[in-house]
PDB file of N, CA and C in Angstrom:
ATOM      1  N   UNK A   1      24.334 314.404 -15.340  1.00  0.00           N
ATOM      2  CA  UNK A   1      24.746 315.751 -15.112  1.00  0.00           C
ATOM      3  C   UNK A   1      23.572 316.715 -15.212  1.00  0.00           C
ATOM      4  N   UNK A   2      23.456 317.657 -14.301  1.00  0.00           N
ATOM      5  CA  UNK A   2      22.401 318.643 -14.296  1.00  0.00           C
ATOM      6  C   UNK A   2      21.014 318.002 -14.330  1.00  0.00           C
ATOM      7  N   UNK A   3      20.869 316.827 -13.734  1.00  0.00           N
ATOM      8  CA  UNK A   3      19.620 316.085 -13.806  1.00  0.00           C
ATOM      9  C   UNK A   3      18.475 316.806 -13.101  1.00  0.00           C
ATOM     10  N   UNK A   4      18.764 317.560 -12.050  1.00  0.00           N
ATOM     11  CA  UNK A   4      17.698 318.205 -11.291  1.00  0.00           C
ATOM     12  C   UNK A   4      17.199 319.487 -11.953  1.00  0.00           C
ATOM     13  N   UNK A   5      17.934 320.026 -12.882  1.00  0.00           N
ATOM     14  CA  UNK A   5      17.540 321.254 -13.559  1.00  0.00           C
ATOM     15  C   UNK A   5      17.165 320.931 -14.995  1.00  0.00           C
ATOM     16  N   UNK A   6      15.926 321.285 -15.361  1.00  0.00           N
ATOM     17  CA  UNK A   6      15.483 321.031 -16.728  1.00  0.00           C
ATOM     18  C   UNK A   6      15.900 322.208 -17.613  1.00  0.00           C
ATOM     19  N   UNK A   7      16.632 321.929 -18.687  1.00  0.00           N
ATOM     20  CA  UNK A   7      17.072 323.021 -19.564  1.00  0.00           C
ATOM     21  C   UNK A   7      15.914 323.599 -20.379  1.00  0.00           C
ATOM     22  N   UNK A   8      16.032 324.866 -20.710  1.00  0.00           N
ATOM     23  CA  UNK A   8      15.083 325.526 -21.592  1.00  0.00           C
ATOM     24  C   UNK A   8      15.498 325.238 -23.023  1.00  0.00           C
ATOM     25  N   UNK A   9      14.583 324.687 -23.818  1.00  0.00           N
ATOM     26  CA  UNK A   9      14.864 324.406 -25.226  1.00  0.00           C
ATOM     27  C   UNK A   9      14.838 325.718 -26.002  1.00  0.00           C
ATOM     28  N   UNK A  10      15.903 325.987 -26.747  1.00  0.00           N
ATOM     29  CA  UNK A  10      15.983 327.204 -27.562  1.00  0.00           C
ATOM     30  C   UNK A  10      16.274 326.837 -29.008  1.00  0.00           C
ATOM     31  N   UNK A  11      15.906 327.727 -29.902  1.00  0.00           N
ATOM     32  CA  UNK A  11      16.219 327.563 -31.313  1.00  0.00           C
ATOM     33  C   UNK A  11      17.625 328.092 -31.569  1.00  0.00           C
ATOM     34  N   UNK A  12      18.320 327.474 -32.464  1.00  0.00           N
ATOM     35  CA  UNK A  12      19.701 327.858 -32.795  1.00  0.00           C
ATOM     36  C   UNK A  12      19.791 329.327 -33.180  1.00  0.00           C
ATOM     37  N   UNK A  13      18.779 329.843 -33.852  1.00  0.00           N
ATOM     38  CA  UNK A  13      18.816 331.205 -34.372  1.00  0.00           C
ATOM     39  C   UNK A  13      18.864 332.279 -33.280  1.00  0.00           C
ATOM     40  N   UNK A  14      18.443 331.970 -32.054  1.00  0.00           N
ATOM     41  CA  UNK A  14      18.464 332.993 -31.002  1.00  0.00           C
ATOM     42  C   UNK A  14      19.740 332.965 -30.160  1.00  0.00           C
ATOM     43  N   UNK A  15      20.582 331.960 -30.354  1.00  0.00           N
ATOM     44  CA  UNK A  15      21.772 331.810 -29.505  1.00  0.00           C
ATOM     45  C   UNK A  15      22.681 333.034 -29.584  1.00  0.00           C
ATOM     46  N   UNK A  16      22.824 333.629 -30.756  1.00  0.00           N
ATOM     47  CA  UNK A  16      23.705 334.795 -30.880  1.00  0.00           C
ATOM     48  C   UNK A  16      23.210 335.988 -30.070  1.00  0.00           C
ATOM     49  N   UNK A  17      21.934 335.990 -29.665  1.00  0.00           N
ATOM     50  CA  UNK A  17      21.403 337.094 -28.853  1.00  0.00           C
ATOM     51  C   UNK A  17      21.437 336.780 -27.351  1.00  0.00           C
ATOM     52  N   UNK A  18      21.863 335.569 -26.979  1.00  0.00           N
ATOM     53  CA  UNK A  18      21.925 335.205 -25.565  1.00  0.00           C
ATOM     54  C   UNK A  18      23.177 335.798 -24.923  1.00  0.00           C
ATOM     55  N   UNK A  19      23.075 336.161 -23.626  1.00  0.00           N
ATOM     56  CA  UNK A  19      24.236 336.755 -22.954  1.00  0.00           C
ATOM     57  C   UNK A  19      25.221 335.700 -22.434  1.00  0.00           C
ATOM     58  N   UNK A  20      26.505 335.917 -22.742  1.00  0.00           N
ATOM     59  CA  UNK A  20      27.592 335.075 -22.253  1.00  0.00           C
ATOM     60  C   UNK A  20      28.688 335.957 -21.646  1.00  0.00           C
ATOM     61  N   UNK A  21      28.287 336.971 -20.874  1.00  0.00           N
ATOM     62  CA  UNK A  21      29.235 337.955 -20.361  1.00  0.00           C
ATOM     63  C   UNK A  21      29.714 337.675 -18.934  1.00  0.00           C
ATOM     64  N   UNK A  22      28.874 337.066 -18.112  1.00  0.00           N
ATOM     65  CA  UNK A  22      29.216 336.834 -16.707  1.00  0.00           C
ATOM     66  C   UNK A  22      30.379 335.844 -16.578  1.00  0.00           C
ATOM     67  N   UNK A  23      31.155 336.015 -15.528  1.00  0.00           N
ATOM     68  CA  UNK A  23      32.235 335.073 -15.217  1.00  0.00           C
ATOM     69  C   UNK A  23      31.585 333.898 -14.499  1.00  0.00           C
ATOM     70  N   UNK A  24      31.246 332.869 -15.242  1.00  0.00           N
ATOM     71  CA  UNK A  24      30.444 331.766 -14.745  1.00  0.00           C
ATOM     72  C   UNK A  24      31.219 330.456 -14.839  1.00  0.00           C
ATOM     73  N   UNK A  25      31.298 329.737 -13.738  1.00  0.00           N
ATOM     74  CA  UNK A  25      31.919 328.409 -13.740  1.00  0.00           C
ATOM     75  C   UNK A  25      30.847 327.385 -14.088  1.00  0.00           C
ATOM     76  N   UNK A  26      31.111 326.579 -15.092  1.00  0.00           N
ATOM     77  CA  UNK A  26      30.158 325.572 -15.552  1.00  0.00           C
ATOM     78  C   UNK A  26      30.743 324.198 -15.296  1.00  0.00           C
ATOM     79  N   UNK A  27      29.964 323.339 -14.614  1.00  0.00           N
ATOM     80  CA  UNK A  27      30.391 321.960 -14.404  1.00  0.00           C
ATOM     81  C   UNK A  27      30.190 321.204 -15.718  1.00  0.00           C
ATOM     82  N   UNK A  28      31.291 320.763 -16.305  1.00  0.00           N
ATOM     83  CA  UNK A  28      31.242 320.109 -17.608  1.00  0.00           C
ATOM     84  C   UNK A  28      31.403 318.597 -17.486  1.00  0.00           C
ATOM     85  N   UNK A  29      30.824 317.902 -18.460  1.00  0.00           N
ATOM     86  CA  UNK A  29      30.983 316.452 -18.543  1.00  0.00           C
ATOM     87  C   UNK A  29      32.480 316.155 -18.670  1.00  0.00           C
ATOM     88  N   UNK A  30      32.980 315.137 -17.959  1.00  0.00           N
ATOM     89  CA  UNK A  30      34.418 314.842 -18.005  1.00  0.00           C
ATOM     90  C   UNK A  30      34.943 314.502 -19.404  1.00  0.00           C
ATOM     91  N   UNK A  31      34.093 314.046 -20.287  1.00  0.00           N
ATOM     92  CA  UNK A  31      34.523 313.695 -21.648  1.00  0.00           C
ATOM     93  C   UNK A  31      33.965 314.666 -22.685  1.00  0.00           C
ATOM     94  N   UNK A  32      33.785 315.930 -22.278  1.00  0.00           N
ATOM     95  CA  UNK A  32      33.182 316.919 -23.167  1.00  0.00           C
ATOM     96  C   UNK A  32      33.950 317.077 -24.474  1.00  0.00           C
ATOM     97  N   UNK A  33      35.266 317.148 -24.426  1.00  0.00           N
ATOM     98  CA  UNK A  33      36.026 317.343 -25.672  1.00  0.00           C
ATOM     99  C   UNK A  33      35.821 316.176 -26.631  1.00  0.00           C
ATOM    100  N   UNK A  34      35.716 314.960 -26.105  1.00  0.00           N
ATOM    101  CA  UNK A  34      35.441 313.794 -26.956  1.00  0.00           C
ATOM    102  C   UNK A  34      34.032 313.875 -27.535  1.00  0.00           C
ATOM    103  N   UNK A  35      33.079 314.325 -26.723  1.00  0.00           N
ATOM    104  CA  UNK A  35      31.696 314.474 -27.200  1.00  0.00           C
ATOM    105  C   UNK A  35      31.630 315.489 -28.344  1.00  0.00           C
ATOM    106  N   UNK A  36      32.347 316.598 -28.195  1.00  0.00           N
ATOM    107  CA  UNK A  36      32.351 317.637 -29.235  1.00  0.00           C
ATOM    108  C   UNK A  36      32.969 317.110 -30.524  1.00  0.00           C
ATOM    109  N   UNK A  37      34.083 316.396 -30.422  1.00  0.00           N
ATOM    110  CA  UNK A  37      34.732 315.839 -31.617  1.00  0.00           C
ATOM    111  C   UNK A  37      33.812 314.852 -32.336  1.00  0.00           C
ATOM    112  N   UNK A  38      33.165 313.978 -31.570  1.00  0.00           N
ATOM    113  CA  UNK A  38      32.246 312.995 -32.157  1.00  0.00           C
ATOM    114  C   UNK A  38      31.061 313.698 -32.821  1.00  0.00           C
ATOM    115  N   UNK A  39      30.501 314.694 -32.140  1.00  0.00           N
ATOM    116  CA  UNK A  39      29.351 315.419 -32.682  1.00  0.00           C
ATOM    117  C   UNK A  39      29.718 316.189 -33.950  1.00  0.00           C
ATOM    118  N   UNK A  40      30.924 316.740 -34.004  1.00  0.00           N
ATOM    119  CA  UNK A  40      31.378 317.452 -35.193  1.00  0.00           C
ATOM    120  C   UNK A  40      31.497 316.493 -36.370  1.00  0.00           C
ATOM    121  N   UNK A  41      32.032 315.315 -36.104  1.00  0.00           N
ATOM    122  CA  UNK A  41      32.146 314.297 -37.153  1.00  0.00           C
ATOM    123  C   UNK A  41      30.755 313.876 -37.644  1.00  0.00           C
ATOM    124  N   UNK A  42      29.831 313.668 -36.706  1.00  0.00           N
ATOM    125  CA  UNK A  42      28.457 313.294 -37.083  1.00  0.00           C
ATOM    126  C   UNK A  42      27.803 314.395 -37.913  1.00  0.00           C
ATOM    127  N   UNK A  43      28.048 315.635 -37.552  1.00  0.00           N
ATOM    128  CA  UNK A  43      27.460 316.760 -38.275  1.00  0.00           C
ATOM    129  C   UNK A  43      28.004 316.896 -39.676  1.00  0.00           C
ATOM    130  N   UNK A  44      29.305 316.739 -39.827  1.00  0.00           N
ATOM    131  CA  UNK A  44      29.925 316.908 -41.142  1.00  0.00           C
ATOM    132  C   UNK A  44      29.719 315.707 -42.049  1.00  0.00           C
ATOM    133  N   UNK A  45      29.787 314.514 -41.489  1.00  0.00           N
ATOM    134  CA  UNK A  45      29.678 313.306 -42.315  1.00  0.00           C
ATOM    135  C   UNK A  45      28.241 312.889 -42.586  1.00  0.00           C
ATOM    136  N   UNK A  46      27.379 313.039 -41.580  1.00  0.00           N
ATOM    137  CA  UNK A  46      26.028 312.490 -41.686  1.00  0.00           C
ATOM    138  C   UNK A  46      24.913 313.515 -41.526  1.00  0.00           C
ATOM    139  N   UNK A  47      25.301 314.807 -41.305  1.00  0.00           N
ATOM    140  CA  UNK A  47      24.323 315.883 -41.089  1.00  0.00           C
ATOM    141  C   UNK A  47      23.404 315.562 -39.909  1.00  0.00           C
ATOM    142  N   UNK A  48      23.958 314.885 -38.916  1.00  0.00           N
ATOM    143  CA  UNK A  48      23.170 314.433 -37.765  1.00  0.00           C
ATOM    144  C   UNK A  48      23.149 315.496 -36.669  1.00  0.00           C
ATOM    145  N   UNK A  49      21.968 315.720 -36.113  1.00  0.00           N
ATOM    146  CA  UNK A  49      21.805 316.676 -35.026  1.00  0.00           C
ATOM    147  C   UNK A  49      22.168 316.038 -33.692  1.00  0.00           C
ATOM    148  N   UNK A  50      22.617 316.876 -32.775  1.00  0.00           N
ATOM    149  CA  UNK A  50      22.907 316.469 -31.405  1.00  0.00           C
ATOM    150  C   UNK A  50      22.225 317.459 -30.463  1.00  0.00           C
ATOM    151  N   UNK A  51      22.111 317.079 -29.195  1.00  0.00           N
ATOM    152  CA  UNK A  51      21.599 317.993 -28.173  1.00  0.00           C
ATOM    153  C   UNK A  51      22.791 318.586 -27.433  1.00  0.00           C
ATOM    154  N   UNK A  52      22.828 319.900 -27.377  1.00  0.00           N
ATOM    155  CA  UNK A  52      23.895 320.604 -26.677  1.00  0.00           C
ATOM    156  C   UNK A  52      23.291 321.277 -25.458  1.00  0.00           C
ATOM    157  N   UNK A  53      23.781 320.919 -24.275  1.00  0.00           N
ATOM    158  CA  UNK A  53      23.363 321.578 -23.047  1.00  0.00           C
ATOM    159  C   UNK A  53      24.412 322.619 -22.708  1.00  0.00           C
ATOM    160  N   UNK A  54      23.983 323.849 -22.505  1.00  0.00           N
ATOM    161  CA  UNK A  54      24.911 324.933 -22.217  1.00  0.00           C
ATOM    162  C   UNK A  54      24.244 325.941 -21.286  1.00  0.00           C
ATOM    163  N   UNK A  55      25.065 326.799 -20.707  1.00  0.00           N
ATOM    164  CA  UNK A  55      24.547 327.837 -19.817  1.00  0.00           C
ATOM    165  C   UNK A  55      24.872 329.219 -20.370  1.00  0.00           C
ATOM    166  N   UNK A  56      23.827 330.039 -20.495  1.00  0.00           N
ATOM    167  CA  UNK A  56      24.072 331.451 -20.748  1.00  0.00           C
ATOM    168  C   UNK A  56      24.025 332.140 -19.378  1.00  0.00           C
ATOM    169  N   UNK A  57      24.008 333.456 -19.345  1.00  0.00           N
ATOM    170  CA  UNK A  57      24.022 334.165 -18.068  1.00  0.00           C
ATOM    171  C   UNK A  57      22.746 333.970 -17.249  1.00  0.00           C
ATOM    172  N   UNK A  58      21.677 333.460 -17.890  1.00  0.00           N
ATOM    173  CA  UNK A  58      20.396 333.295 -17.209  1.00  0.00           C
ATOM    174  C   UNK A  58      20.073 331.867 -16.790  1.00  0.00           C
ATOM    175  N   UNK A  59      20.824 330.885 -17.271  1.00  0.00           N
ATOM    176  CA  UNK A  59      20.551 329.519 -16.862  1.00  0.00           C
ATOM    177  C   UNK A  59      20.833 328.484 -17.928  1.00  0.00           C
ATOM    178  N   UNK A  60      20.388 327.269 -17.647  1.00  0.00           N
ATOM    179  CA  UNK A  60      20.656 326.116 -18.505  1.00  0.00           C
ATOM    180  C   UNK A  60      19.744 326.118 -19.727  1.00  0.00           C
ATOM    181  N   UNK A  61      20.354 325.909 -20.895  1.00  0.00           N
ATOM    182  CA  UNK A  61      19.633 325.866 -22.169  1.00  0.00           C
ATOM    183  C   UNK A  61      19.994 324.586 -22.907  1.00  0.00           C
ATOM    184  N   UNK A  62      19.120 324.215 -23.872  1.00  0.00           N
ATOM    185  CA  UNK A  62      19.394 323.076 -24.747  1.00  0.00           C
ATOM    186  C   UNK A  62      19.032 323.462 -26.167  1.00  0.00           C
ATOM    187  N   UNK A  63      19.887 323.070 -27.093  1.00  0.00           N
ATOM    188  CA  UNK A  63      19.603 323.273 -28.503  1.00  0.00           C
ATOM    189  C   UNK A  63      19.871 321.948 -29.220  1.00  0.00           C
ATOM    190  N   UNK A  64      18.995 321.601 -30.149  1.00  0.00           N
ATOM    191  CA  UNK A  64      19.161 320.402 -30.972  1.00  0.00           C
ATOM    192  C   UNK A  64      19.560 320.873 -32.364  1.00  0.00           C
ATOM    193  N   UNK A  65      20.812 320.611 -32.725  1.00  0.00           N
ATOM    194  CA  UNK A  65      21.335 321.143 -33.975  1.00  0.00           C
ATOM    195  C   UNK A  65      22.559 320.357 -34.429  1.00  0.00           C
ATOM    196  N   UNK A  66      23.179 320.813 -35.479  1.00  0.00           N
ATOM    197  CA  UNK A  66      24.370 320.199 -36.049  1.00  0.00           C
ATOM    198  C   UNK A  66      25.594 321.041 -35.712  1.00  0.00           C
ATOM    199  N   UNK A  67      26.667 320.392 -35.255  1.00  0.00           N
ATOM    200  CA  UNK A  67      27.929 321.088 -35.031  1.00  0.00           C
ATOM    201  C   UNK A  67      28.764 320.944 -36.299  1.00  0.00           C
ATOM    202  N   UNK A  68      29.150 322.086 -36.894  1.00  0.00           N
ATOM    203  CA  UNK A  68      29.928 322.063 -38.126  1.00  0.00           C
ATOM    204  C   UNK A  68      31.421 322.100 -37.879  1.00  0.00           C
ATOM    205  N   UNK A  69      31.835 322.816 -36.817  1.00  0.00           N
ATOM    206  CA  UNK A  69      33.271 322.950 -36.559  1.00  0.00           C
ATOM    207  C   UNK A  69      33.493 323.225 -35.077  1.00  0.00           C
ATOM    208  N   UNK A  70      34.701 322.931 -34.618  1.00  0.00           N
ATOM    209  CA  UNK A  70      35.063 323.254 -33.245  1.00  0.00           C
ATOM    210  C   UNK A  70      36.497 323.752 -33.214  1.00  0.00           C
ATOM    211  N   UNK A  71      36.723 324.660 -32.307  1.00  0.00           N
ATOM    212  CA  UNK A  71      38.061 325.218 -32.132  1.00  0.00           C
ATOM    213  C   UNK A  71      38.469 325.089 -30.676  1.00  0.00           C
ATOM    214  N   UNK A  72      39.407 325.912 -30.259  1.00  0.00           N
ATOM    215  CA  UNK A  72      39.867 325.868 -28.872  1.00  0.00           C
ATOM    216  C   UNK A  72      38.843 326.437 -27.909  1.00  0.00           C
ATOM    217  N   UNK A  73      38.141 327.495 -28.334  1.00  0.00           N
ATOM    218  CA  UNK A  73      37.255 328.198 -27.409  1.00  0.00           C
ATOM    219  C   UNK A  73      35.786 328.170 -27.788  1.00  0.00           C
ATOM    220  N   UNK A  74      35.462 327.825 -29.037  1.00  0.00           N
ATOM    221  CA  UNK A  74      34.081 327.872 -29.502  1.00  0.00           C
ATOM    222  C   UNK A  74      33.748 326.662 -30.370  1.00  0.00           C
ATOM    223  N   UNK A  75      32.436 326.376 -30.449  1.00  0.00           N
ATOM    224  CA  UNK A  75      31.943 325.461 -31.474  1.00  0.00           C
ATOM    225  C   UNK A  75      31.102 326.289 -32.429  1.00  0.00           C
ATOM    226  N   UNK A  76      31.071 325.874 -33.683  1.00  0.00           N
ATOM    227  CA  UNK A  76      30.286 326.565 -34.703  1.00  0.00           C
ATOM    228  C   UNK A  76      29.148 325.648 -35.132  1.00  0.00           C
ATOM    229  N   UNK A  77      27.935 326.181 -35.057  1.00  0.00           N
ATOM    230  CA  UNK A  77      26.757 325.435 -35.468  1.00  0.00           C
ATOM    231  C   UNK A  77      26.398 325.796 -36.907  1.00  0.00           C
ATOM    232  N   UNK A  78      25.520 325.019 -37.481  1.00  0.00           N
ATOM    233  CA  UNK A  78      25.022 325.320 -38.817  1.00  0.00           C
ATOM    234  C   UNK A  78      24.465 326.749 -38.810  1.00  0.00           C
ATOM    235  N   UNK A  79      24.794 327.507 -39.815  1.00  0.00           N
ATOM    236  CA  UNK A  79      24.314 328.880 -39.892  1.00  0.00           C
ATOM    237  C   UNK A  79      25.263 329.902 -39.293  1.00  0.00           C
ATOM    238  N   UNK A  80      26.458 329.468 -38.886  1.00  0.00           N
ATOM    239  CA  UNK A  80      27.448 330.401 -38.363  1.00  0.00           C
ATOM    240  C   UNK A  80      27.187 330.889 -36.953  1.00  0.00           C
ATOM    241  N   UNK A  81      26.485 330.112 -36.157  1.00  0.00           N
ATOM    242  CA  UNK A  81      26.212 330.448 -34.760  1.00  0.00           C
ATOM    243  C   UNK A  81      27.306 329.826 -33.892  1.00  0.00           C
ATOM    244  N   UNK A  82      27.823 330.609 -32.927  1.00  0.00           N
ATOM    245  CA  UNK A  82      28.927 330.157 -32.091  1.00  0.00           C
ATOM    246  C   UNK A  82      28.500 330.033 -30.644  1.00  0.00           C
ATOM    247  N   UNK A  83      28.992 328.992 -29.952  1.00  0.00           N
ATOM    248  CA  UNK A  83      28.776 328.816 -28.509  1.00  0.00           C
ATOM    249  C   UNK A  83      30.151 328.653 -27.865  1.00  0.00           C
ATOM    250  N   UNK A  84      30.419 329.420 -26.780  1.00  0.00           N
ATOM    251  CA  UNK A  84      31.694 329.246 -26.083  1.00  0.00           C
ATOM    252  C   UNK A  84      31.773 327.871 -25.422  1.00  0.00           C
ATOM    253  N   UNK A  85      32.862 327.149 -25.650  1.00  0.00           N
ATOM    254  CA  UNK A  85      33.021 325.815 -25.091  1.00  0.00           C
ATOM    255  C   UNK A  85      32.999 325.853 -23.560  1.00  0.00           C
ATOM    256  N   UNK A  86      33.508 326.923 -22.957  1.00  0.00           N
ATOM    257  CA  UNK A  86      33.520 327.009 -21.495  1.00  0.00           C
ATOM    258  C   UNK A  86      32.111 327.057 -20.902  1.00  0.00           C
ATOM    259  N   UNK A  87      31.079 327.295 -21.736  1.00  0.00           N
ATOM    260  CA  UNK A  87      29.700 327.325 -21.265  1.00  0.00           C
ATOM    261  C   UNK A  87      28.928 326.046 -21.579  1.00  0.00           C
ATOM    262  N   UNK A  88      29.570 325.098 -22.271  1.00  0.00           N
ATOM    263  CA  UNK A  88      28.884 323.839 -22.626  1.00  0.00           C
ATOM    264  C   UNK A  88      28.996 322.863 -21.463  1.00  0.00           C
ATOM    265  N   UNK A  89      27.849 322.280 -21.105  1.00  0.00           N
ATOM    266  CA  UNK A  89      27.782 321.294 -20.036  1.00  0.00           C
ATOM    267  C   UNK A  89      28.018 319.898 -20.590  1.00  0.00           C
ATOM    268  N   UNK A  90      27.320 319.601 -21.704  1.00  0.00           N
ATOM    269  CA  UNK A  90      27.355 318.250 -22.264  1.00  0.00           C
ATOM    270  C   UNK A  90      26.833 318.276 -23.694  1.00  0.00           C
ATOM    271  N   UNK A  91      27.298 317.325 -24.525  1.00  0.00           N
ATOM    272  CA  UNK A  91      26.789 317.134 -25.877  1.00  0.00           C
ATOM    273  C   UNK A  91      26.296 315.700 -25.962  1.00  0.00           C
ATOM    274  N   UNK A  92      25.038 315.548 -26.321  1.00  0.00           N
ATOM    275  CA  UNK A  92      24.434 314.214 -26.415  1.00  0.00           C
ATOM    276  C   UNK A  92      24.129 313.879 -27.869  1.00  0.00           C
ATOM    277  N   UNK A  93      24.741 312.786 -28.327  1.00  0.00           N
ATOM    278  CA  UNK A  93      24.539 312.357 -29.714  1.00  0.00           C
ATOM    279  C   UNK A  93      23.262 311.545 -29.857  1.00  0.00           C
TER     280      UNK A  93
END
């Protein structure tokens, strides 16, 4: 997925300043919800980081971090940073 576009690596701390306002359709991995559940378990049980590919209003980004919680519309990263699930492309463990 998204193999032709190289994501920009970002630090978790800047995600809250990224724009997520545009009405943007994101092509998501077909098993994204399973990936998020697995990554949340890895984060809580083993403190293991995962790579999250997501799109803000400017393009494809990647962050390597721990997912602490997930809900219907957002995931919560370590430090209370939130990413809208509708903008996540893929989670790689």
